[in-house]
Amino acid sequence: MLKVLVADDHPLFREAVVLSIRHLDQTDSQVLEAGTLDEVCRLATAMPDLDLLLLDLKMPGMDGLGGLLELRRRFPALPVVIVSATEEPRVIREAIAAGAMAYIPKSLDRAGIADALRHVLAGETWQPEIQGGDAVPEGAPMAERIAALTPQQRNILSLMAAGKPNKIIAYELGIAETTVKAHITLILRKLGVFSRTQAVLAARDLVS
């Protein structure tokens, strides 16, 4: 039996995704639904044999890619597919880099979503054709790498440079400490460094 968790805060879209799953060549499937990150964590903990998680980036509790990173940390064996209305090339690249197995735009019709899921269930990664060259090239100057950070990541990096620990950063930004840790993981990856100290030293004079 195929066991899938569909996580989106819009019931109508969850219904559309469920119908796409029914289009798959699966004779038997169980589809669970969640509307918040907390519900996803609860269901994923209760059902460790889930085959797939379809995840919206802007669902309550997600904090963008921070929620994805947190789920990858807590449930490393669970394949995650982002299904999002955002089609920015930067966001798609970051989601794949953060561990998503695929990135499916909500603009696809039901058959298109089902086709993308077939690739995922076959063990393949899938993403739409990306137009635009906004990726930061390898070897780019640090200022360019910092410019590629999201506003929230820049806030966190600024607080890191001020010497504040994760617990205080979380308090000042009103997010969970685990979310801060997840963002720091992605910040290090984007800056091309391997430690918190390296990130702070490299960016101290560049972050406003």
Protein backbone atom coordinates (compact mmCIF):
# COMPACT_ATOMS: atom_id res chain seq x y z
CA MET A 1 0.00 0.00 0.00
CA LEU A 2 1.25 3.47 -0.94
CA LYS A 3 1.11 5.78 2.10
CA VAL A 4 1.24 9.50 1.34
CA LEU A 5 0.93 12.56 3.57
CA VAL A 6 -0.38 15.69 1.82
CA ALA A 7 0.47 18.84 3.77
CA ASP A 8 -1.11 22.12 2.70
CA ASP A 9 -3.23 24.67 4.56
CA HIS A 10 -5.75 24.95 1.71
CA PRO A 11 -8.28 22.07 1.82
CA LEU A 12 -9.27 22.52 -1.83
CA PHE A 13 -5.70 22.14 -3.00
CA ARG A 14 -5.20 19.12 -0.76
CA GLU A 15 -8.22 17.61 -2.47
CA ALA A 16 -6.69 18.32 -5.89
CA VAL A 17 -3.44 16.63 -4.89
CA VAL A 18 -5.31 13.63 -3.53
CA LEU A 19 -7.07 13.29 -6.88
CA SER A 20 -3.68 13.42 -8.62
CA ILE A 21 -2.49 10.58 -6.41
CA ARG A 22 -5.57 8.59 -7.41
CA HIS A 23 -4.41 9.01 -11.03
CA LEU A 24 -1.25 7.04 -10.27
CA ASP A 25 -0.97 3.40 -11.25
CA GLN A 26 -1.54 2.32 -7.68
CA THR A 27 -4.38 -0.03 -6.87
CA ASP A 28 -4.17 0.61 -3.15
CA SER A 29 -3.18 3.84 -1.41
CA GLN A 30 -3.69 5.61 1.90
CA VAL A 31 -3.61 9.41 1.87
CA LEU A 32 -3.34 11.45 5.05
CA GLU A 33 -3.79 15.22 5.23
CA ALA A 34 -2.24 17.95 7.37
CA GLY A 35 -2.62 21.72 7.46
CA THR A 36 0.29 22.78 9.69
CA LEU A 37 3.91 21.77 10.29
CA ASP A 38 2.98 20.51 13.77
CA GLU A 39 0.39 18.17 12.25
CA VAL A 40 2.98 16.90 9.76
CA CYS A 41 5.43 16.09 12.57
CA ARG A 42 2.73 14.36 14.61
CA LEU A 43 1.57 12.18 11.72
CA ALA A 44 5.09 11.39 10.51
CA THR A 45 6.02 10.31 14.03
CA ALA A 46 2.91 8.14 14.36
CA MET A 47 3.43 6.58 10.91
CA PRO A 48 7.15 5.90 10.35
CA ASP A 49 6.31 3.81 7.25
CA LEU A 50 5.09 6.77 5.18
CA ASP A 51 6.26 6.51 1.57
CA LEU A 52 6.04 10.18 0.64
CA LEU A 53 5.38 13.65 2.02
CA LEU A 54 3.95 16.32 -0.29
CA LEU A 55 4.71 19.64 1.38
CA ASP A 56 3.67 23.27 0.87
CA LEU A 57 6.41 25.80 1.74
CA LYS A 58 3.99 28.47 3.01
CA MET A 59 1.96 26.33 5.36
CA PRO A 60 1.65 27.58 8.98
CA GLY A 61 4.77 26.78 11.00
CA MET A 62 6.99 26.21 7.97
CA ASP A 63 9.01 29.45 7.95
CA GLY A 64 9.86 28.69 4.35
CA LEU A 65 12.78 26.33 3.86
CA GLY A 66 13.37 26.25 7.61
CA GLY A 67 10.48 23.83 7.98
CA LEU A 68 11.82 21.62 5.21
CA LEU A 69 15.24 21.47 6.85
CA GLU A 70 13.68 20.64 10.19
CA LEU A 71 11.67 17.78 8.66
CA ARG A 72 14.77 16.43 6.90
CA ARG A 73 16.58 16.47 10.24
CA ARG A 74 13.79 14.74 12.16
CA PHE A 75 12.69 12.29 9.45
CA PRO A 76 15.74 11.71 7.23
CA ALA A 77 14.30 8.55 5.62
CA LEU A 78 11.04 10.21 4.52
CA PRO A 79 11.10 11.42 0.89
CA VAL A 80 9.81 15.00 0.69
CA VAL A 81 8.32 16.63 -2.39
CA ILE A 82 7.65 20.37 -2.37
CA VAL A 83 4.36 21.36 -4.00
CA SER A 84 4.30 25.14 -4.11
CA ALA A 85 2.82 28.14 -5.90
CA THR A 86 6.27 29.74 -5.85
CA GLU A 87 8.17 29.15 -9.08
CA GLU A 88 11.22 31.34 -8.47
CA PRO A 89 14.37 29.54 -9.72
CA ARG A 90 16.23 30.46 -6.52
CA VAL A 91 13.58 28.87 -4.31
CA ILE A 92 13.49 25.72 -6.45
CA ARG A 93 17.28 25.34 -6.29
CA GLU A 94 17.33 25.94 -2.54
CA ALA A 95 14.59 23.40 -1.89
CA ILE A 96 16.44 20.71 -3.86
CA ALA A 97 19.71 21.64 -2.10
CA ALA A 98 17.93 21.40 1.26
CA GLY A 99 16.93 17.81 0.59
CA ALA A 100 13.64 17.88 -1.31
CA MET A 101 13.39 14.98 -3.75
CA ALA A 102 11.29 17.03 -6.15
CA TYR A 103 9.70 20.44 -6.63
CA ILE A 104 6.26 20.50 -8.23
CA PRO A 105 4.62 23.86 -9.11
CA LYS A 106 0.96 24.21 -8.19
CA SER A 107 0.39 25.59 -11.68
CA LEU A 108 0.60 22.06 -13.09
CA ASP A 109 -2.70 20.40 -13.87
CA ARG A 110 -3.77 17.18 -12.20
CA ALA A 111 -2.21 14.98 -14.88
CA GLY A 112 1.05 16.93 -14.70
CA ILE A 113 1.27 16.50 -10.93
CA ALA A 114 0.55 12.79 -11.29
CA ASP A 115 3.28 12.44 -13.92
CA ALA A 116 5.81 14.19 -11.67
CA LEU A 117 4.87 11.89 -8.78
CA ARG A 118 5.44 8.83 -10.99
CA HIS A 119 9.04 9.96 -11.46
CA VAL A 120 9.44 10.45 -7.71
CA LEU A 121 7.99 7.04 -6.87
CA ALA A 122 10.42 5.53 -9.40
CA GLY A 123 13.25 6.96 -7.29
CA GLU A 124 14.02 9.92 -9.55
CA THR A 125 14.33 13.58 -8.68
CA TRP A 126 12.01 15.96 -10.54
CA GLN A 127 11.77 19.69 -10.98
CA PRO A 128 10.38 22.06 -13.60
CA GLU A 129 12.66 23.50 -16.24
CA ILE A 130 14.29 26.48 -14.58
CA GLN A 131 14.48 29.70 -16.53
CA GLY A 132 16.83 32.48 -15.49
CA GLY A 133 20.38 32.55 -14.21
CA ASP A 134 20.02 33.69 -10.62
CA ALA A 135 22.12 30.89 -9.14
CA VAL A 136 25.25 32.07 -7.33
CA PRO A 137 28.20 30.64 -9.27
CA GLU A 138 30.87 28.65 -7.53
CA GLY A 139 33.69 30.93 -6.46
CA ALA A 140 31.46 34.02 -6.34
CA PRO A 141 32.52 36.86 -4.00
CA MET A 142 31.18 36.64 -0.45
CA ALA A 143 29.13 39.82 -0.93
CA GLU A 144 27.29 38.13 -3.80
CA ARG A 145 26.68 35.02 -1.73
CA ILE A 146 25.26 37.06 1.12
CA ALA A 147 23.05 38.95 -1.32
CA ALA A 148 21.54 35.59 -2.31
CA LEU A 149 20.36 34.92 1.25
CA THR A 150 16.69 35.35 2.06
CA PRO A 151 15.75 38.28 4.36
CA GLN A 152 15.25 35.89 7.27
CA GLN A 153 18.65 34.29 6.66
CA ARG A 154 20.27 37.73 6.57
CA ASN A 155 18.61 38.57 9.89
CA ILE A 156 19.93 35.39 11.44
CA LEU A 157 23.43 35.96 10.05
CA SER A 158 23.42 39.50 11.45
CA LEU A 159 22.48 38.20 14.90
CA MET A 160 25.13 35.48 14.62
CA ALA A 161 27.71 38.18 13.82
CA ALA A 162 26.55 40.06 16.93
CA GLY A 163 27.51 37.00 18.99
CA LYS A 164 24.00 35.95 19.94
CA PRO A 165 23.32 32.24 20.58
CA ASN A 166 20.59 30.31 18.80
CA LYS A 167 18.20 30.53 21.75
CA ILE A 168 18.34 34.35 21.78
CA ILE A 169 18.10 34.55 17.98
CA ALA A 170 14.97 32.41 18.12
CA TYR A 171 13.46 34.62 20.83
CA GLU A 172 14.20 37.89 19.00
CA LEU A 173 12.82 36.62 15.68
CA GLY A 174 9.84 34.81 17.20
CA ILE A 175 10.71 31.42 15.70
CA ALA A 176 11.66 28.01 17.11
CA GLU A 177 15.27 27.32 18.01
CA THR A 178 15.21 24.25 15.76
CA THR A 179 14.16 26.53 12.89
CA VAL A 180 17.15 28.77 13.59
CA LYS A 181 19.46 25.75 13.44
CA ALA A 182 17.89 24.67 10.16
CA HIS A 183 18.41 28.13 8.66
CA ILE A 184 22.03 28.19 9.81
CA THR A 185 22.63 24.90 8.00
CA LEU A 186 21.39 26.47 4.77
CA ILE A 187 23.33 29.71 5.40
CA LEU A 188 26.60 27.78 5.72
CA ARG A 189 25.82 25.89 2.51
CA LYS A 190 25.07 29.10 0.60
CA LEU A 191 28.17 30.88 1.85
CA GLY A 192 30.37 27.88 1.07
CA VAL A 193 31.74 27.60 4.60
CA PHE A 194 31.79 24.77 7.10
CA SER A 195 31.30 26.36 10.50
CA ARG A 196 29.42 29.13 12.28
CA THR A 197 32.71 30.90 13.02
CA GLN A 198 33.71 30.92 9.35
CA ALA A 199 30.34 32.38 8.37
CA VAL A 200 30.60 35.16 10.94
CA LEU A 201 34.20 36.04 10.03
CA ALA A 202 33.45 36.05 6.31
CA ALA A 203 30.31 38.15 6.59
CA ARG A 204 30.94 40.48 9.54
CA ASP A 205 31.88 43.48 7.40
CA LEU A 206 29.27 42.82 4.74
CA VAL A 207 25.99 42.29 6.60
CA SER A 208 24.07 45.45 7.39
